[in-house]
Amino acid sequence: MKSRITVFIVITLLTKCSLAQMGPLSLSLDLTKPTGEYGESVGFGYGGVWGYEDFISDKVGLTLHFGNTLMSAKGYDTLFTSGTCEMLHAQLGVKYYFNDHYSGLYGMFQVGASRATYDFTIFEFQNTSRVTTFSVGYKASRKWDYSLRFNSARVLGTTDPMRFVGLRVSRTLFGDRQERP
């Protein structure tokens, strides 16, 4: 219940900010593939992400992303062959456009937090992690944005990170402020 209230509050705030023409609000589809040891127990994932960007210079934007990713469980042990992993995440970052005026190729760095809930066949548990994301993307138009992402999430209290790569397709819904600053 807490997470649903939090999602509602964040979406409401992002919508109000965007409607005030502070920057664009986007909705994205995320496709993820866990790698390494993490990829042995959790499979392909998908999710939706709300994004907000405020331009601070001709080539730099501050970003805020908030979303949910659902991944399927897999594994070689019968205890882990069915179930899901759901990740609720929020990240702040900086986006740098290599071309002028918020278009074309860009690089992005984000940091944030994630709350994962694992629901396997016979047990359920949760963890909180710090997330670091590096992205390379292309803003194809004022409305469409595509990025390839590398995420590393370190569960608090552990040393082994959960890593996954992803593809994000974003659509700016409203608040397009490419004329700024």
N, C-alpha and C. Protein backbone atom coordinates (compact mmCIF):
# COMPACT_ATOMS: atom_id res chain seq x y z
N MET A 1 0.82 -1.19 0.00
CA MET A 1 0.00 0.00 0.00
C MET A 1 0.87 1.26 0.00
N LYS A 2 1.96 1.24 0.79
CA LYS A 2 2.85 2.40 0.84
C LYS A 2 3.42 2.71 -0.53
N SER A 3 3.84 1.65 -1.27
CA SER A 3 4.45 1.88 -2.57
C SER A 3 3.45 2.46 -3.56
N ARG A 4 2.19 2.07 -3.48
CA ARG A 4 1.18 2.63 -4.38
C ARG A 4 0.92 4.10 -4.08
N ILE A 5 0.92 4.45 -2.81
CA ILE A 5 0.75 5.85 -2.43
C ILE A 5 1.94 6.67 -2.91
N THR A 6 3.14 6.13 -2.74
CA THR A 6 4.35 6.81 -3.19
C THR A 6 4.33 7.02 -4.70
N VAL A 7 3.95 6.00 -5.45
CA VAL A 7 3.85 6.11 -6.90
C VAL A 7 2.87 7.21 -7.28
N PHE A 8 1.71 7.24 -6.64
CA PHE A 8 0.70 8.26 -6.92
C PHE A 8 1.25 9.67 -6.65
N ILE A 9 1.92 9.86 -5.53
CA ILE A 9 2.46 11.17 -5.17
C ILE A 9 3.51 11.62 -6.18
N VAL A 10 4.44 10.73 -6.52
CA VAL A 10 5.50 11.10 -7.47
C VAL A 10 4.92 11.43 -8.84
N ILE A 11 3.99 10.62 -9.33
CA ILE A 11 3.38 10.89 -10.64
C ILE A 11 2.62 12.22 -10.61
N THR A 12 1.91 12.49 -9.54
CA THR A 12 1.18 13.75 -9.41
C THR A 12 2.15 14.94 -9.44
N LEU A 13 3.24 14.86 -8.68
CA LEU A 13 4.22 15.94 -8.67
C LEU A 13 4.87 16.13 -10.03
N LEU A 14 5.23 15.03 -10.69
CA LEU A 14 5.83 15.14 -12.02
C LEU A 14 4.86 15.76 -13.01
N THR A 15 3.60 15.38 -12.92
CA THR A 15 2.59 15.94 -13.82
C THR A 15 2.43 17.43 -13.58
N LYS A 16 2.36 17.85 -12.33
CA LYS A 16 2.23 19.27 -12.03
C LYS A 16 3.44 20.06 -12.54
N CYS A 17 4.64 19.50 -12.35
CA CYS A 17 5.84 20.17 -12.83
C CYS A 17 5.82 20.30 -14.35
N SER A 18 5.43 19.26 -15.03
CA SER A 18 5.41 19.28 -16.47
C SER A 18 4.36 20.24 -17.00
N LEU A 19 3.18 20.22 -16.37
CA LEU A 19 2.13 21.12 -16.81
C LEU A 19 2.51 22.57 -16.58
N ALA A 20 3.39 22.83 -15.64
CA ALA A 20 3.87 24.19 -15.40
C ALA A 20 4.97 24.57 -16.37
N GLN A 21 5.25 23.69 -17.34
CA GLN A 21 6.24 23.91 -18.39
C GLN A 21 7.66 24.04 -17.86
N MET A 22 7.98 23.28 -16.82
CA MET A 22 9.34 23.26 -16.31
C MET A 22 10.23 22.33 -17.13
N GLY A 23 9.65 21.39 -17.79
CA GLY A 23 10.41 20.43 -18.59
C GLY A 23 9.49 19.32 -19.05
N PRO A 24 9.98 18.45 -19.94
CA PRO A 24 9.12 17.41 -20.49
C PRO A 24 8.89 16.24 -19.53
N LEU A 25 7.71 15.67 -19.60
CA LEU A 25 7.35 14.46 -18.88
C LEU A 25 7.20 13.36 -19.92
N SER A 26 7.86 12.22 -19.67
CA SER A 26 7.81 11.13 -20.64
C SER A 26 7.37 9.84 -19.96
N LEU A 27 6.88 8.94 -20.78
CA LEU A 27 6.53 7.60 -20.35
C LEU A 27 7.36 6.64 -21.19
N SER A 28 8.00 5.67 -20.52
CA SER A 28 8.93 4.78 -21.22
C SER A 28 8.58 3.33 -21.01
N LEU A 29 8.96 2.52 -21.98
CA LEU A 29 8.91 1.08 -21.88
C LEU A 29 10.35 0.60 -21.70
N ASP A 30 10.60 -0.16 -20.65
CA ASP A 30 11.92 -0.73 -20.38
C ASP A 30 11.92 -2.22 -20.66
N LEU A 31 12.93 -2.69 -21.35
CA LEU A 31 13.17 -4.12 -21.53
C LEU A 31 14.54 -4.39 -20.93
N THR A 32 14.65 -5.36 -20.03
CA THR A 32 15.92 -5.62 -19.33
C THR A 32 16.32 -7.08 -19.43
N LYS A 33 17.63 -7.28 -19.38
CA LYS A 33 18.20 -8.62 -19.37
C LYS A 33 19.28 -8.66 -18.29
N PRO A 34 19.03 -9.37 -17.18
CA PRO A 34 20.05 -9.51 -16.14
C PRO A 34 21.29 -10.24 -16.68
N THR A 35 22.45 -9.88 -16.18
CA THR A 35 23.70 -10.49 -16.62
C THR A 35 24.44 -11.07 -15.42
N GLY A 36 25.46 -11.87 -15.71
CA GLY A 36 26.29 -12.44 -14.67
C GLY A 36 25.55 -13.39 -13.76
N GLU A 37 25.97 -13.44 -12.51
CA GLU A 37 25.36 -14.34 -11.53
C GLU A 37 23.89 -14.01 -11.30
N TYR A 38 23.54 -12.75 -11.34
CA TYR A 38 22.15 -12.33 -11.16
C TYR A 38 21.26 -12.90 -12.27
N GLY A 39 21.81 -12.98 -13.49
CA GLY A 39 21.07 -13.51 -14.62
C GLY A 39 20.82 -15.00 -14.55
N GLU A 40 21.48 -15.71 -13.64
CA GLU A 40 21.25 -17.14 -13.49
C GLU A 40 19.96 -17.46 -12.76
N SER A 41 19.47 -16.52 -11.94
CA SER A 41 18.25 -16.78 -11.19
C SER A 41 17.07 -15.91 -11.62
N VAL A 42 17.33 -14.82 -12.32
CA VAL A 42 16.27 -13.92 -12.75
C VAL A 42 16.39 -13.72 -14.25
N GLY A 43 15.26 -13.81 -14.95
CA GLY A 43 15.26 -13.73 -16.40
C GLY A 43 14.85 -12.38 -16.94
N PHE A 44 14.47 -12.37 -18.20
CA PHE A 44 14.06 -11.18 -18.94
C PHE A 44 13.03 -10.37 -18.17
N GLY A 45 13.11 -9.04 -18.28
CA GLY A 45 12.17 -8.19 -17.58
C GLY A 45 11.63 -7.07 -18.45
N TYR A 46 10.55 -6.48 -17.99
CA TYR A 46 9.93 -5.36 -18.68
C TYR A 46 9.29 -4.46 -17.63
N GLY A 47 9.04 -3.22 -18.02
CA GLY A 47 8.40 -2.32 -17.07
C GLY A 47 8.12 -0.96 -17.69
N GLY A 48 7.51 -0.11 -16.90
CA GLY A 48 7.20 1.25 -17.31
C GLY A 48 7.90 2.25 -16.41
N VAL A 49 8.29 3.38 -16.98
CA VAL A 49 9.03 4.40 -16.25
C VAL A 49 8.50 5.78 -16.61
N TRP A 50 8.23 6.57 -15.57
CA TRP A 50 7.93 7.99 -15.76
C TRP A 50 9.25 8.74 -15.74
N GLY A 51 9.44 9.68 -16.66
CA GLY A 51 10.67 10.45 -16.70
C GLY A 51 10.40 11.94 -16.76
N TYR A 52 11.28 12.68 -16.14
CA TYR A 52 11.18 14.14 -16.13
C TYR A 52 12.58 14.69 -16.40
N GLU A 53 12.66 15.74 -17.21
CA GLU A 53 13.96 16.35 -17.49
C GLU A 53 13.82 17.86 -17.44
N ASP A 54 14.79 18.50 -16.79
CA ASP A 54 14.83 19.95 -16.74
C ASP A 54 16.15 20.39 -17.34
N PHE A 55 16.10 21.22 -18.34
CA PHE A 55 17.31 21.64 -19.05
C PHE A 55 18.01 22.75 -18.27
N ILE A 56 19.31 22.59 -18.04
CA ILE A 56 20.04 23.59 -17.27
C ILE A 56 21.05 24.36 -18.12
N SER A 57 21.35 23.86 -19.29
CA SER A 57 22.20 24.59 -20.23
C SER A 57 21.86 24.10 -21.63
N ASP A 58 22.63 24.56 -22.60
CA ASP A 58 22.35 24.22 -23.98
C ASP A 58 22.49 22.73 -24.28
N LYS A 59 23.31 22.01 -23.50
CA LYS A 59 23.55 20.60 -23.77
C LYS A 59 23.31 19.69 -22.57
N VAL A 60 22.92 20.24 -21.43
CA VAL A 60 22.83 19.45 -20.21
C VAL A 60 21.41 19.51 -19.64
N GLY A 61 20.92 18.34 -19.23
CA GLY A 61 19.62 18.26 -18.57
C GLY A 61 19.72 17.44 -17.30
N LEU A 62 18.96 17.82 -16.28
CA LEU A 62 18.83 17.04 -15.06
C LEU A 62 17.64 16.11 -15.24
N THR A 63 17.79 14.85 -14.81
CA THR A 63 16.73 13.87 -15.03
C THR A 63 16.23 13.28 -13.72
N LEU A 64 14.98 12.85 -13.75
CA LEU A 64 14.35 12.11 -12.66
C LEU A 64 13.54 11.00 -13.31
N HIS A 65 13.80 9.77 -12.91
CA HIS A 65 13.05 8.62 -13.42
C HIS A 65 12.49 7.82 -12.25
N PHE A 66 11.26 7.39 -12.41
CA PHE A 66 10.59 6.60 -11.38
C PHE A 66 9.78 5.53 -12.08
N GLY A 67 10.01 4.26 -11.72
CA GLY A 67 9.30 3.21 -12.43
C GLY A 67 9.27 1.88 -11.72
N ASN A 68 8.77 0.90 -12.46
CA ASN A 68 8.58 -0.44 -11.95
C ASN A 68 9.02 -1.43 -13.02
N THR A 69 9.79 -2.44 -12.63
CA THR A 69 10.25 -3.47 -13.56
C THR A 69 9.87 -4.83 -13.00
N LEU A 70 9.33 -5.68 -13.83
CA LEU A 70 8.93 -7.03 -13.44
C LEU A 70 9.78 -8.02 -14.22
N MET A 71 10.47 -8.91 -13.49
CA MET A 71 11.32 -9.92 -14.12
C MET A 71 10.86 -11.31 -13.70
N SER A 72 11.03 -12.26 -14.58
CA SER A 72 10.63 -13.63 -14.27
C SER A 72 11.77 -14.36 -13.58
N ALA A 73 11.41 -15.32 -12.75
CA ALA A 73 12.42 -16.15 -12.08
C ALA A 73 12.78 -17.31 -12.99
N LYS A 74 14.03 -17.73 -12.92
CA LYS A 74 14.46 -18.93 -13.64
C LYS A 74 15.56 -19.56 -12.81
N GLY A 75 15.96 -20.74 -13.15
CA GLY A 75 17.05 -21.34 -12.40
C GLY A 75 17.14 -22.83 -12.58
N TYR A 76 18.15 -23.37 -11.97
CA TYR A 76 18.42 -24.80 -12.09
C TYR A 76 17.87 -25.56 -10.90
N ASP A 77 17.34 -24.87 -9.92
CA ASP A 77 16.79 -25.49 -8.71
C ASP A 77 15.27 -25.37 -8.77
N THR A 78 14.55 -26.40 -8.39
CA THR A 78 13.09 -26.37 -8.47
C THR A 78 12.48 -25.29 -7.57
N LEU A 79 13.21 -24.83 -6.58
CA LEU A 79 12.69 -23.77 -5.71
C LEU A 79 12.61 -22.44 -6.44
N PHE A 80 13.43 -22.26 -7.48
CA PHE A 80 13.52 -20.97 -8.16
C PHE A 80 12.96 -21.00 -9.58
N THR A 81 12.31 -22.06 -9.98
CA THR A 81 11.88 -22.16 -11.37
C THR A 81 10.61 -21.39 -11.66
N SER A 82 9.87 -20.97 -10.66
CA SER A 82 8.70 -20.14 -10.91
C SER A 82 8.68 -19.00 -9.91
N GLY A 83 8.15 -17.90 -10.35
CA GLY A 83 8.06 -16.73 -9.49
C GLY A 83 8.44 -15.48 -10.23
N THR A 84 8.51 -14.38 -9.48
CA THR A 84 8.80 -13.09 -10.09
C THR A 84 9.72 -12.27 -9.20
N CYS A 85 10.33 -11.29 -9.81
CA CYS A 85 11.09 -10.26 -9.10
C CYS A 85 10.53 -8.93 -9.58
N GLU A 86 10.03 -8.13 -8.66
CA GLU A 86 9.48 -6.82 -8.99
C GLU A 86 10.36 -5.75 -8.37
N MET A 87 10.82 -4.80 -9.20
CA MET A 87 11.70 -3.74 -8.72
C MET A 87 11.02 -2.39 -8.89
N LEU A 88 10.91 -1.65 -7.81
CA LEU A 88 10.41 -0.28 -7.81
C LEU A 88 11.64 0.60 -7.65
N HIS A 89 11.87 1.52 -8.59
CA HIS A 89 13.12 2.28 -8.55
C HIS A 89 12.90 3.76 -8.85
N ALA A 90 13.79 4.57 -8.28
CA ALA A 90 13.80 6.02 -8.50
C ALA A 90 15.25 6.44 -8.69
N GLN A 91 15.50 7.28 -9.71
CA GLN A 91 16.87 7.70 -10.01
C GLN A 91 16.91 9.17 -10.42
N LEU A 92 17.98 9.84 -10.00
CA LEU A 92 18.29 11.21 -10.41
C LEU A 92 19.55 11.16 -11.25
N GLY A 93 19.65 12.07 -12.23
CA GLY A 93 20.85 12.01 -13.05
C GLY A 93 21.09 13.24 -13.88
N VAL A 94 22.12 13.13 -14.71
CA VAL A 94 22.53 14.18 -15.63
C VAL A 94 22.60 13.59 -17.03
N LYS A 95 22.04 14.31 -17.98
CA LYS A 95 22.06 13.89 -19.38
C LYS A 95 22.84 14.94 -20.17
N TYR A 96 23.83 14.48 -20.95
CA TYR A 96 24.65 15.39 -21.76
C TYR A 96 24.41 15.09 -23.24
N TYR A 97 23.95 16.09 -23.98
CA TYR A 97 23.71 15.95 -25.42
C TYR A 97 24.98 16.34 -26.18
N PHE A 98 25.43 15.47 -27.07
CA PHE A 98 26.62 15.74 -27.85
C PHE A 98 26.34 16.72 -28.98
N ASN A 99 25.09 16.80 -29.42
CA ASN A 99 24.68 17.78 -30.42
C ASN A 99 24.09 18.98 -29.69
N ASP A 100 23.85 20.03 -30.43
CA ASP A 100 23.25 21.21 -29.82
C ASP A 100 21.76 21.04 -29.63
N HIS A 101 21.25 21.71 -28.66
CA HIS A 101 19.83 21.92 -28.44
C HIS A 101 19.02 20.65 -28.21
N TYR A 102 19.44 19.82 -27.30
CA TYR A 102 18.65 18.69 -26.79
C TYR A 102 18.19 17.71 -27.87
N SER A 103 19.09 17.36 -28.76
CA SER A 103 18.71 16.40 -29.80
C SER A 103 19.91 15.51 -30.14
N GLY A 104 19.63 14.43 -30.83
CA GLY A 104 20.68 13.54 -31.28
C GLY A 104 21.25 12.65 -30.19
N LEU A 105 22.51 12.34 -30.30
CA LEU A 105 23.20 11.41 -29.41
C LEU A 105 23.46 12.05 -28.04
N TYR A 106 23.29 11.24 -26.98
CA TYR A 106 23.55 11.73 -25.63
C TYR A 106 24.10 10.62 -24.76
N GLY A 107 24.70 11.02 -23.65
CA GLY A 107 25.14 10.11 -22.60
C GLY A 107 24.45 10.52 -21.31
N MET A 108 24.17 9.54 -20.44
CA MET A 108 23.47 9.85 -19.21
C MET A 108 24.04 9.03 -18.06
N PHE A 109 24.12 9.65 -16.90
CA PHE A 109 24.56 8.99 -15.68
C PHE A 109 23.49 9.25 -14.63
N GLN A 110 23.05 8.18 -13.94
CA GLN A 110 22.04 8.31 -12.90
C GLN A 110 22.41 7.50 -11.67
N VAL A 111 21.97 7.97 -10.52
CA VAL A 111 22.10 7.23 -9.27
C VAL A 111 20.74 7.24 -8.60
N GLY A 112 20.49 6.22 -7.78
CA GLY A 112 19.21 6.17 -7.11
C GLY A 112 19.09 4.97 -6.21
N ALA A 113 17.85 4.59 -5.95
CA ALA A 113 17.56 3.47 -5.05
C ALA A 113 16.50 2.58 -5.69
N SER A 114 16.52 1.33 -5.26
CA SER A 114 15.58 0.34 -5.76
C SER A 114 15.08 -0.51 -4.61
N ARG A 115 13.83 -0.90 -4.68
CA ARG A 115 13.25 -1.82 -3.70
C ARG A 115 12.76 -3.03 -4.49
N ALA A 116 13.37 -4.17 -4.27
CA ALA A 116 13.03 -5.39 -5.01
C ALA A 116 12.27 -6.35 -4.11
N THR A 117 11.23 -6.96 -4.66
CA THR A 117 10.47 -8.00 -3.99
C THR A 117 10.57 -9.26 -4.81
N TYR A 118 11.09 -10.31 -4.19
CA TYR A 118 11.23 -11.60 -4.86
C TYR A 118 10.14 -12.52 -4.33
N ASP A 119 9.38 -13.10 -5.23
CA ASP A 119 8.30 -14.01 -4.84
C ASP A 119 8.52 -15.33 -5.58
N PHE A 120 9.22 -16.26 -4.93
CA PHE A 120 9.52 -17.55 -5.52
C PHE A 120 8.52 -18.60 -5.04
N THR A 121 8.70 -19.81 -5.46
CA THR A 121 7.74 -20.88 -5.20
C THR A 121 7.41 -21.04 -3.72
N ILE A 122 8.41 -21.10 -2.85
CA ILE A 122 8.12 -21.38 -1.45
C ILE A 122 8.49 -20.26 -0.48
N PHE A 123 9.04 -19.16 -0.98
CA PHE A 123 9.36 -18.07 -0.06
C PHE A 123 9.34 -16.73 -0.79
N GLU A 124 9.33 -15.66 0.01
CA GLU A 124 9.33 -14.30 -0.51
C GLU A 124 10.27 -13.47 0.34
N PHE A 125 11.01 -12.57 -0.29
CA PHE A 125 11.84 -11.66 0.48
C PHE A 125 12.00 -10.35 -0.28
N GLN A 126 12.48 -9.32 0.43
CA GLN A 126 12.69 -8.00 -0.16
C GLN A 126 14.09 -7.51 0.16
N ASN A 127 14.60 -6.63 -0.70
CA ASN A 127 15.85 -5.97 -0.40
C ASN A 127 15.83 -4.56 -0.97
N THR A 128 16.72 -3.74 -0.46
CA THR A 128 16.89 -2.38 -0.93
C THR A 128 18.30 -2.26 -1.48
N SER A 129 18.44 -1.55 -2.61
CA SER A 129 19.76 -1.44 -3.22
C SER A 129 20.00 -0.03 -3.74
N ARG A 130 21.29 0.29 -3.87
CA ARG A 130 21.72 1.52 -4.53
C ARG A 130 21.91 1.18 -5.99
N VAL A 131 21.43 2.03 -6.87
CA VAL A 131 21.48 1.76 -8.31
C VAL A 131 22.30 2.83 -9.00
N THR A 132 23.18 2.39 -9.89
CA THR A 132 23.96 3.28 -10.75
C THR A 132 23.66 2.89 -12.19
N THR A 133 23.39 3.87 -13.04
CA THR A 133 23.04 3.60 -14.42
C THR A 133 23.87 4.47 -15.36
N PHE A 134 24.42 3.84 -16.39
CA PHE A 134 25.08 4.53 -17.48
C PHE A 134 24.27 4.26 -18.74
N SER A 135 23.99 5.30 -19.52
CA SER A 135 23.18 5.14 -20.73
C SER A 135 23.81 5.88 -21.89
N VAL A 136 23.58 5.33 -23.06
CA VAL A 136 23.86 6.02 -24.32
C VAL A 136 22.57 5.99 -25.08
N GLY A 137 22.15 7.14 -25.58
CA GLY A 137 20.86 7.19 -26.25
C GLY A 137 20.85 8.12 -27.42
N TYR A 138 19.70 8.11 -28.07
CA TYR A 138 19.50 8.98 -29.23
C TYR A 138 18.10 9.57 -29.17
N LYS A 139 18.03 10.88 -29.13
CA LYS A 139 16.74 11.57 -29.16
C LYS A 139 16.41 11.79 -30.63
N ALA A 140 15.53 10.92 -31.16
CA ALA A 140 15.24 10.90 -32.59
C ALA A 140 14.37 12.07 -33.03
N SER A 141 13.51 12.55 -32.14
CA SER A 141 12.65 13.68 -32.45
C SER A 141 12.28 14.36 -31.14
N ARG A 142 11.43 15.34 -31.21
CA ARG A 142 10.99 16.02 -29.99
C ARG A 142 10.17 15.10 -29.11
N LYS A 143 9.64 14.02 -29.66
CA LYS A 143 8.76 13.12 -28.90
C LYS A 143 9.38 11.76 -28.62
N TRP A 144 10.31 11.27 -29.41
CA TRP A 144 10.82 9.90 -29.27
C TRP A 144 12.29 9.87 -28.87
N ASP A 145 12.60 8.98 -27.95
CA ASP A 145 13.94 8.85 -27.38
C ASP A 145 14.23 7.36 -27.17
N TYR A 146 15.42 6.91 -27.58
CA TYR A 146 15.82 5.50 -27.45
C TYR A 146 17.15 5.45 -26.72
N SER A 147 17.28 4.54 -25.75
CA SER A 147 18.56 4.45 -25.05
C SER A 147 18.91 3.01 -24.70
N LEU A 148 20.20 2.75 -24.66
CA LEU A 148 20.76 1.49 -24.22
C LEU A 148 21.37 1.75 -22.85
N ARG A 149 20.99 0.95 -21.84
CA ARG A 149 21.35 1.23 -20.46
C ARG A 149 22.14 0.08 -19.86
N PHE A 150 23.05 0.43 -18.97
CA PHE A 150 23.75 -0.56 -18.15
C PHE A 150 23.50 -0.19 -16.70
N ASN A 151 22.87 -1.08 -15.94
CA ASN A 151 22.52 -0.83 -14.55
C ASN A 151 23.32 -1.73 -13.63
N SER A 152 23.75 -1.19 -12.53
CA SER A 152 24.41 -1.95 -11.48
C SER A 152 23.73 -1.60 -10.17
N ALA A 153 23.13 -2.59 -9.52
CA ALA A 153 22.43 -2.37 -8.25
C ALA A 153 23.14 -3.16 -7.16
N ARG A 154 23.59 -2.48 -6.15
CA ARG A 154 24.28 -3.12 -5.04
C ARG A 154 23.34 -3.17 -3.85
N VAL A 155 22.97 -4.40 -3.48
CA VAL A 155 22.08 -4.59 -2.33
C VAL A 155 22.82 -4.13 -1.08
N LEU A 156 22.15 -3.34 -0.27
CA LEU A 156 22.78 -2.83 0.95
C LEU A 156 23.20 -3.98 1.85
N GLY A 157 24.44 -3.96 2.28
CA GLY A 157 24.97 -5.01 3.15
C GLY A 157 25.65 -6.15 2.42
N THR A 158 25.73 -6.08 1.08
CA THR A 158 26.40 -7.13 0.31
C THR A 158 27.49 -6.52 -0.56
N THR A 159 28.30 -7.37 -1.16
CA THR A 159 29.38 -6.87 -2.03
C THR A 159 29.15 -7.19 -3.49
N ASP A 160 28.31 -8.17 -3.81
CA ASP A 160 28.09 -8.56 -5.21
C ASP A 160 26.95 -7.74 -5.80
N PRO A 161 27.22 -6.99 -6.89
CA PRO A 161 26.15 -6.20 -7.50
C PRO A 161 25.26 -7.05 -8.41
N MET A 162 24.03 -6.62 -8.56
CA MET A 162 23.12 -7.18 -9.56
C MET A 162 23.28 -6.28 -10.78
N ARG A 163 23.60 -6.87 -11.91
CA ARG A 163 23.82 -6.08 -13.13
C ARG A 163 22.83 -6.52 -14.21
N PHE A 164 22.38 -5.53 -14.98
CA PHE A 164 21.55 -5.86 -16.12
C PHE A 164 21.66 -4.77 -17.16
N VAL A 165 21.44 -5.16 -18.41
CA VAL A 165 21.42 -4.22 -19.53
C VAL A 165 19.97 -4.04 -19.94
N GLY A 166 19.69 -2.92 -20.55
CA GLY A 166 18.31 -2.67 -20.92
C GLY A 166 18.18 -1.75 -22.11
N LEU A 167 17.03 -1.81 -22.72
CA LEU A 167 16.65 -0.92 -23.80
C LEU A 167 15.44 -0.14 -23.33
N ARG A 168 15.50 1.18 -23.49
CA ARG A 168 14.39 2.04 -23.08
C ARG A 168 13.90 2.82 -24.29
N VAL A 169 12.60 2.76 -24.52
CA VAL A 169 11.95 3.55 -25.56
C VAL A 169 11.03 4.53 -24.85
N SER A 170 11.27 5.83 -25.07
CA SER A 170 10.51 6.87 -24.35
C SER A 170 9.71 7.73 -25.32
N ARG A 171 8.56 8.14 -24.84
CA ARG A 171 7.69 9.04 -25.59
C ARG A 171 7.37 10.23 -24.70
N THR A 172 7.71 11.42 -25.16
CA THR A 172 7.38 12.64 -24.42
C THR A 172 5.88 12.88 -24.55
N LEU A 173 5.21 12.97 -23.41
CA LEU A 173 3.76 13.14 -23.42
C LEU A 173 3.37 14.61 -23.55
N PHE A 174 3.99 15.47 -22.73
CA PHE A 174 3.73 16.90 -22.79
C PHE A 174 4.83 17.62 -22.03
N GLY A 175 4.84 18.95 -22.20
CA GLY A 175 5.84 19.75 -21.52
C GLY A 175 7.13 19.84 -22.28
N ASP A 176 7.12 19.65 -23.60
CA ASP A 176 8.33 19.71 -24.40
C ASP A 176 8.86 21.13 -24.39
N ARG A 177 10.04 21.31 -23.80
CA ARG A 177 10.61 22.65 -23.67
C ARG A 177 11.96 22.73 -24.35
N GLN A 178 12.03 22.32 -25.58
CA GLN A 178 13.31 22.32 -26.27
C GLN A 178 13.82 23.72 -26.55
N GLU A 179 12.98 24.74 -26.43
CA GLU A 179 13.43 26.10 -26.68
C GLU A 179 14.22 26.67 -25.50
N ARG A 180 14.21 25.96 -24.34
CA ARG A 180 14.95 26.45 -23.17
C ARG A 180 16.41 26.13 -23.31
N PRO A 181 17.27 26.76 -22.59
CA PRO A 181 17.08 27.94 -21.76
C PRO A 181 17.14 29.21 -22.55
